[in-house]
C-alpha atoms as a PDB file:
ATOM      1  CA  UNK A   1      33.339 -14.239 -17.157  1.00  0.00           C
ATOM      2  CA  UNK A   2      29.838 -12.788 -16.737  1.00  0.00           C
ATOM      3  CA  UNK A   3      27.086 -14.431 -18.746  1.00  0.00           C
ATOM      4  CA  UNK A   4      23.336 -13.948 -18.507  1.00  0.00           C
ATOM      5  CA  UNK A   5      21.417 -16.509 -16.469  1.00  0.00           C
ATOM      6  CA  UNK A   6      19.107 -16.942 -19.465  1.00  0.00           C
ATOM      7  CA  UNK A   7      20.817 -18.274 -22.624  1.00  0.00           C
ATOM      8  CA  UNK A   8      18.353 -16.500 -24.916  1.00  0.00           C
ATOM      9  CA  UNK A   9      19.401 -13.187 -23.347  1.00  0.00           C
ATOM     10  CA  UNK A  10      23.038 -14.196 -23.769  1.00  0.00           C
ATOM     11  CA  UNK A  11      22.422 -15.104 -27.413  1.00  0.00           C
ATOM     12  CA  UNK A  12      20.681 -11.759 -27.962  1.00  0.00           C
ATOM     13  CA  UNK A  13      23.706  -9.941 -26.516  1.00  0.00           C
ATOM     14  CA  UNK A  14      26.180 -11.780 -28.744  1.00  0.00           C
ATOM     15  CA  UNK A  15      23.957 -11.604 -31.832  1.00  0.00           C
ATOM     16  CA  UNK A  16      23.541  -7.835 -31.431  1.00  0.00           C
ATOM     17  CA  UNK A  17      27.318  -7.431 -31.161  1.00  0.00           C
ATOM     18  CA  UNK A  18      27.848  -9.472 -34.319  1.00  0.00           C
ATOM     19  CA  UNK A  19      25.127  -7.580 -36.229  1.00  0.00           C
ATOM     20  CA  UNK A  20      26.612  -4.217 -35.225  1.00  0.00           C
ATOM     21  CA  UNK A  21      30.046  -5.343 -36.410  1.00  0.00           C
ATOM     22  CA  UNK A  22      28.836  -5.420 -40.010  1.00  0.00           C
ATOM     23  CA  UNK A  23      29.604  -9.121 -40.457  1.00  0.00           C
ATOM     24  CA  UNK A  24      27.817 -10.418 -43.552  1.00  0.00           C
ATOM     25  CA  UNK A  25      25.063 -12.922 -42.715  1.00  0.00           C
ATOM     26  CA  UNK A  26      25.336 -13.038 -38.908  1.00  0.00           C
ATOM     27  CA  UNK A  27      22.130 -15.111 -39.038  1.00  0.00           C
ATOM     28  CA  UNK A  28      23.792 -17.919 -41.044  1.00  0.00           C
ATOM     29  CA  UNK A  29      23.955 -21.180 -39.136  1.00  0.00           C
ATOM     30  CA  UNK A  30      24.505 -24.866 -39.731  1.00  0.00           C
ATOM     31  CA  UNK A  31      21.335 -26.936 -39.389  1.00  0.00           C
ATOM     32  CA  UNK A  32      21.943 -30.599 -38.536  1.00  0.00           C
ATOM     33  CA  UNK A  33      19.282 -33.285 -38.849  1.00  0.00           C
ATOM     34  CA  UNK A  34      18.949 -37.072 -38.948  1.00  0.00           C
ATOM     35  CA  UNK A  35      17.044 -38.496 -41.923  1.00  0.00           C
ATOM     36  CA  UNK A  36      15.182 -41.759 -42.436  1.00  0.00           C
ATOM     37  CA  UNK A  37      18.490 -43.372 -43.494  1.00  0.00           C
ATOM     38  CA  UNK A  38      19.816 -42.586 -39.968  1.00  0.00           C
ATOM     39  CA  UNK A  39      22.689 -40.549 -41.385  1.00  0.00           C
ATOM     40  CA  UNK A  40      23.377 -37.084 -40.005  1.00  0.00           C
ATOM     41  CA  UNK A  41      23.029 -34.321 -42.569  1.00  0.00           C
ATOM     42  CA  UNK A  42      23.952 -30.649 -42.328  1.00  0.00           C
ATOM     43  CA  UNK A  43      23.456 -27.519 -44.392  1.00  0.00           C
ATOM     44  CA  UNK A  44      23.577 -23.770 -43.941  1.00  0.00           C
ATOM     45  CA  UNK A  45      20.305 -21.924 -43.321  1.00  0.00           C
ATOM     46  CA  UNK A  46      19.418 -18.395 -42.285  1.00  0.00           C
ATOM     47  CA  UNK A  47      17.802 -17.941 -38.891  1.00  0.00           C
ATOM     48  CA  UNK A  48      14.996 -15.434 -39.406  1.00  0.00           C
ATOM     49  CA  UNK A  49      13.926 -14.784 -35.818  1.00  0.00           C
ATOM     50  CA  UNK A  50      14.347 -15.958 -32.257  1.00  0.00           C
ATOM     51  CA  UNK A  51      12.741 -15.432 -28.877  1.00  0.00           C
ATOM     52  CA  UNK A  52      12.190 -17.326 -25.636  1.00  0.00           C
ATOM     53  CA  UNK A  53      10.332 -20.076 -27.479  1.00  0.00           C
ATOM     54  CA  UNK A  54      13.047 -20.831 -30.027  1.00  0.00           C
ATOM     55  CA  UNK A  55      14.967 -20.151 -33.232  1.00  0.00           C
ATOM     56  CA  UNK A  56      13.094 -19.936 -36.561  1.00  0.00           C
ATOM     57  CA  UNK A  57      14.119 -20.731 -40.140  1.00  0.00           C
ATOM     58  CA  UNK A  58      12.097 -21.266 -43.340  1.00  0.00           C
ATOM     59  CA  UNK A  59      12.348 -23.788 -46.147  1.00  0.00           C
ATOM     60  CA  UNK A  60      10.587 -25.969 -48.675  1.00  0.00           C
ATOM     61  CA  UNK A  61       8.812 -28.519 -46.475  1.00  0.00           C
ATOM     62  CA  UNK A  62       9.411 -31.236 -49.104  1.00  0.00           C
ATOM     63  CA  UNK A  63      13.172 -30.627 -49.183  1.00  0.00           C
ATOM     64  CA  UNK A  64      15.679 -33.103 -47.758  1.00  0.00           C
ATOM     65  CA  UNK A  65      15.713 -31.151 -44.488  1.00  0.00           C
ATOM     66  CA  UNK A  66      11.916 -31.014 -44.389  1.00  0.00           C
ATOM     67  CA  UNK A  67      11.687 -34.786 -44.888  1.00  0.00           C
ATOM     68  CA  UNK A  68      14.351 -35.393 -42.227  1.00  0.00           C
ATOM     69  CA  UNK A  69      12.533 -33.171 -39.731  1.00  0.00           C
ATOM     70  CA  UNK A  70       9.247 -34.957 -40.414  1.00  0.00           C
ATOM     71  CA  UNK A  71      10.957 -38.304 -39.770  1.00  0.00           C
ATOM     72  CA  UNK A  72      12.897 -37.158 -36.710  1.00  0.00           C
ATOM     73  CA  UNK A  73      11.725 -33.812 -35.266  1.00  0.00           C
ATOM     74  CA  UNK A  74      15.016 -33.026 -33.525  1.00  0.00           C
ATOM     75  CA  UNK A  75      17.696 -30.658 -34.770  1.00  0.00           C
ATOM     76  CA  UNK A  76      20.859 -28.769 -33.937  1.00  0.00           C
ATOM     77  CA  UNK A  77      21.907 -25.277 -35.000  1.00  0.00           C
ATOM     78  CA  UNK A  78      25.525 -24.118 -34.937  1.00  0.00           C
ATOM     79  CA  UNK A  79      26.556 -20.469 -35.275  1.00  0.00           C
ATOM     80  CA  UNK A  80      30.215 -19.535 -35.705  1.00  0.00           C
ATOM     81  CA  UNK A  81      31.293 -15.907 -35.814  1.00  0.00           C
ATOM     82  CA  UNK A  82      34.983 -16.107 -36.707  1.00  0.00           C
ATOM     83  CA  UNK A  83      35.999 -12.465 -36.111  1.00  0.00           C
ATOM     84  CA  UNK A  84      34.837 -12.827 -32.503  1.00  0.00           C
ATOM     85  CA  UNK A  85      35.967 -16.438 -32.047  1.00  0.00           C
ATOM     86  CA  UNK A  86      32.460 -17.193 -30.758  1.00  0.00           C
ATOM     87  CA  UNK A  87      30.399 -20.306 -31.362  1.00  0.00           C
ATOM     88  CA  UNK A  88      26.878 -21.156 -30.233  1.00  0.00           C
ATOM     89  CA  UNK A  89      25.443 -24.675 -30.431  1.00  0.00           C
ATOM     90  CA  UNK A  90      21.718 -25.249 -29.957  1.00  0.00           C
ATOM     91  CA  UNK A  91      19.934 -28.610 -29.663  1.00  0.00           C
ATOM     92  CA  UNK A  92      16.200 -29.062 -29.450  1.00  0.00           C
ATOM     93  CA  UNK A  93      12.864 -30.314 -30.664  1.00  0.00           C
ATOM     94  CA  UNK A  94      11.328 -29.055 -33.885  1.00  0.00           C
ATOM     95  CA  UNK A  95       7.884 -27.470 -34.178  1.00  0.00           C
ATOM     96  CA  UNK A  96       6.350 -25.984 -37.326  1.00  0.00           C
ATOM     97  CA  UNK A  97       5.604 -22.278 -37.236  1.00  0.00           C
ATOM     98  CA  UNK A  98       1.973 -21.278 -37.659  1.00  0.00           C
ATOM     99  CA  UNK A  99       0.538 -20.592 -41.115  1.00  0.00           C
ATOM    100  CA  UNK A 100       0.157 -16.959 -40.117  1.00  0.00           C
ATOM    101  CA  UNK A 101       3.846 -16.664 -39.156  1.00  0.00           C
ATOM    102  CA  UNK A 102       4.871 -18.324 -42.418  1.00  0.00           C
ATOM    103  CA  UNK A 103       2.558 -16.056 -44.440  1.00  0.00           C
ATOM    104  CA  UNK A 104       3.806 -12.940 -42.659  1.00  0.00           C
ATOM    105  CA  UNK A 105       7.443 -13.814 -43.324  1.00  0.00           C
ATOM    106  CA  UNK A 106       6.811 -14.969 -46.912  1.00  0.00           C
ATOM    107  CA  UNK A 107       5.188 -11.601 -47.666  1.00  0.00           C
ATOM    108  CA  UNK A 108       8.415  -9.799 -46.666  1.00  0.00           C
ATOM    109  CA  UNK A 109      10.550 -11.758 -49.151  1.00  0.00           C
ATOM    110  CA  UNK A 110      11.651 -10.212 -52.464  1.00  0.00           C
ATOM    111  CA  UNK A 111       9.407 -11.130 -55.406  1.00  0.00           C
ATOM    112  CA  UNK A 112      12.148 -13.235 -56.998  1.00  0.00           C
ATOM    113  CA  UNK A 113      12.549 -15.297 -53.830  1.00  0.00           C
ATOM    114  CA  UNK A 114       8.781 -15.786 -53.663  1.00  0.00           C
ATOM    115  CA  UNK A 115       8.721 -17.018 -57.262  1.00  0.00           C
ATOM    116  CA  UNK A 116      11.715 -19.253 -56.572  1.00  0.00           C
ATOM    117  CA  UNK A 117       9.771 -20.924 -53.755  1.00  0.00           C
ATOM    118  CA  UNK A 118       7.105 -21.887 -56.294  1.00  0.00           C
ATOM    119  CA  UNK A 119       9.534 -22.883 -59.059  1.00  0.00           C
ATOM    120  CA  UNK A 120      11.950 -25.051 -57.071  1.00  0.00           C
ATOM    121  CA  UNK A 121      11.187 -28.645 -56.132  1.00  0.00           C
ATOM    122  CA  UNK A 122      14.021 -28.383 -53.627  1.00  0.00           C
ATOM    123  CA  UNK A 123      16.320 -31.426 -53.309  1.00  0.00           C
ATOM    124  CA  UNK A 124      14.626 -33.288 -56.199  1.00  0.00           C
ATOM    125  CA  UNK A 125      16.593 -34.200 -59.376  1.00  0.00           C
ATOM    126  CA  UNK A 126      16.661 -31.391 -61.964  1.00  0.00           C
ATOM    127  CA  UNK A 127      17.249 -32.241 -65.620  1.00  0.00           C
ATOM    128  CA  UNK A 128      18.706 -28.832 -66.533  1.00  0.00           C
ATOM    129  CA  UNK A 129      19.119 -25.236 -65.424  1.00  0.00           C
ATOM    130  CA  UNK A 130      16.855 -24.259 -68.311  1.00  0.00           C
ATOM    131  CA  UNK A 131      14.001 -26.309 -66.808  1.00  0.00           C
ATOM    132  CA  UNK A 132      14.271 -24.367 -63.534  1.00  0.00           C
ATOM    133  CA  UNK A 133      14.370 -21.027 -65.341  1.00  0.00           C
ATOM    134  CA  UNK A 134      11.363 -22.047 -67.455  1.00  0.00           C
ATOM    135  CA  UNK A 135       9.337 -22.898 -64.334  1.00  0.00           C
ATOM    136  CA  UNK A 136      10.386 -19.569 -62.796  1.00  0.00           C
ATOM    137  CA  UNK A 137       9.114 -17.703 -65.897  1.00  0.00           C
ATOM    138  CA  UNK A 138       5.830 -19.638 -65.818  1.00  0.00           C
ATOM    139  CA  UNK A 139       5.180 -18.604 -62.220  1.00  0.00           C
ATOM    140  CA  UNK A 140       6.264 -15.040 -62.971  1.00  0.00           C
ATOM    141  CA  UNK A 141       3.571 -14.927 -65.687  1.00  0.00           C
ATOM    142  CA  UNK A 142       0.996 -16.621 -63.448  1.00  0.00           C
ATOM    143  CA  UNK A 143       1.450 -14.004 -60.723  1.00  0.00           C
ATOM    144  CA  UNK A 144       1.822 -10.972 -63.013  1.00  0.00           C
ATOM    145  CA  UNK A 145       0.073  -7.971 -61.490  1.00  0.00           C
ATOM    146  CA  UNK A 146      -0.941  -9.709 -58.292  1.00  0.00           C
ATOM    147  CA  UNK A 147       0.369 -10.702 -54.895  1.00  0.00           C
ATOM    148  CA  UNK A 148       2.270 -13.983 -54.738  1.00  0.00           C
ATOM    149  CA  UNK A 149       0.718 -16.360 -52.227  1.00  0.00           C
ATOM    150  CA  UNK A 150       2.835 -18.684 -50.100  1.00  0.00           C
ATOM    151  CA  UNK A 151       3.127 -22.152 -51.655  1.00  0.00           C
ATOM    152  CA  UNK A 152       1.546 -24.922 -49.561  1.00  0.00           C
ATOM    153  CA  UNK A 153       4.896 -26.753 -49.521  1.00  0.00           C
ATOM    154  CA  UNK A 154       6.785 -23.803 -48.019  1.00  0.00           C
ATOM    155  CA  UNK A 155       6.905 -22.943 -44.329  1.00  0.00           C
ATOM    156  CA  UNK A 156       9.005 -22.570 -41.247  1.00  0.00           C
ATOM    157  CA  UNK A 157      10.334 -24.497 -38.300  1.00  0.00           C
ATOM    158  CA  UNK A 158      11.168 -23.441 -34.772  1.00  0.00           C
ATOM    159  CA  UNK A 159      13.979 -25.158 -32.873  1.00  0.00           C
ATOM    160  CA  UNK A 160      12.751 -25.400 -29.264  1.00  0.00           C
ATOM    161  CA  UNK A 161      16.039 -25.500 -27.360  1.00  0.00           C
ATOM    162  CA  UNK A 162      16.900 -28.022 -24.655  1.00  0.00           C
ATOM    163  CA  UNK A 163      20.617 -27.239 -24.646  1.00  0.00           C
ATOM    164  CA  UNK A 164      22.551 -24.126 -25.664  1.00  0.00           C
ATOM    165  CA  UNK A 165      26.333 -23.968 -25.467  1.00  0.00           C
ATOM    166  CA  UNK A 166      28.452 -20.831 -25.779  1.00  0.00           C
ATOM    167  CA  UNK A 167      32.098 -21.265 -26.790  1.00  0.00           C
ATOM    168  CA  UNK A 168      34.768 -18.578 -26.720  1.00  0.00           C
ATOM    169  CA  UNK A 169      38.088 -19.281 -28.426  1.00  0.00           C
ATOM    170  CA  UNK A 170      41.189 -18.668 -26.297  1.00  0.00           C
ATOM    171  CA  UNK A 171      44.948 -19.070 -26.764  1.00  0.00           C
ATOM    172  CA  UNK A 172      46.610 -22.436 -26.167  1.00  0.00           C
ATOM    173  CA  UNK A 173      43.267 -24.159 -26.700  1.00  0.00           C
ATOM    174  CA  UNK A 174      42.139 -23.049 -23.238  1.00  0.00           C
ATOM    175  CA  UNK A 175      38.726 -22.112 -24.591  1.00  0.00           C
ATOM    176  CA  UNK A 176      35.735 -21.121 -22.471  1.00  0.00           C
ATOM    177  CA  UNK A 177      32.624 -23.293 -22.767  1.00  0.00           C
ATOM    178  CA  UNK A 178      29.335 -22.700 -20.974  1.00  0.00           C
ATOM    179  CA  UNK A 179      26.444 -25.126 -21.318  1.00  0.00           C
ATOM    180  CA  UNK A 180      22.859 -24.203 -20.467  1.00  0.00           C
ATOM    181  CA  UNK A 181      20.385 -27.057 -20.062  1.00  0.00           C
ATOM    182  CA  UNK A 182      16.668 -26.582 -19.670  1.00  0.00           C
ATOM    183  CA  UNK A 183      15.199 -27.662 -16.355  1.00  0.00           C
ATOM    184  CA  UNK A 184      11.436 -27.114 -16.377  1.00  0.00           C
ATOM    185  CA  UNK A 185      10.873 -23.403 -16.954  1.00  0.00           C
ATOM    186  CA  UNK A 186      14.432 -22.425 -16.046  1.00  0.00           C
ATOM    187  CA  UNK A 187      17.985 -23.077 -17.187  1.00  0.00           C
ATOM    188  CA  UNK A 188      20.969 -24.612 -15.428  1.00  0.00           C
ATOM    189  CA  UNK A 189      24.376 -23.369 -16.556  1.00  0.00           C
ATOM    190  CA  UNK A 190      27.718 -25.084 -16.064  1.00  0.00           C
ATOM    191  CA  UNK A 191      31.245 -24.534 -17.331  1.00  0.00           C
ATOM    192  CA  UNK A 192      32.778 -27.321 -19.431  1.00  0.00           C
ATOM    193  CA  UNK A 193      36.373 -28.277 -20.087  1.00  0.00           C
ATOM    194  CA  UNK A 194      37.463 -27.106 -23.544  1.00  0.00           C
END
């Protein structure tokens, strides 16, 4: 099996194939963190960009994931594209994206999503659906006729990968697994038993 020497190039190749297939939400991935209670926690997020430096997603910085990443700035991302029987696992450090990056991405979001970022105190107790909808309406009125600025509690994180594993499902559980580990400025790749 021929894989790129650089795992980011390999990811780009697979991701392009998945995008071209028409699969809904190819950017959906499982984000795993460890919180202050030392329990692992996982939830689906949407990866918004990636390059040689890492994989970016955005969230409310005061959410459960934001608090976990502040406590322990390490994370894992898992992509699984079932029609292809492909999985990618990424482990790395976390770094916040710059304010400019966060602003640029926030400005591309639909107006409703921008208002939702202001209205939602993500992961906090909510007394009723009506309370959330009321806060949404209040922010809609506040920003009527003007651009919606990014809330100070909303931003992005970049997973700076140390390890990236590519898994290909095969019959009889004889799967292919290839692990890339960072070594300085380069990557070392090895095949793993399934």
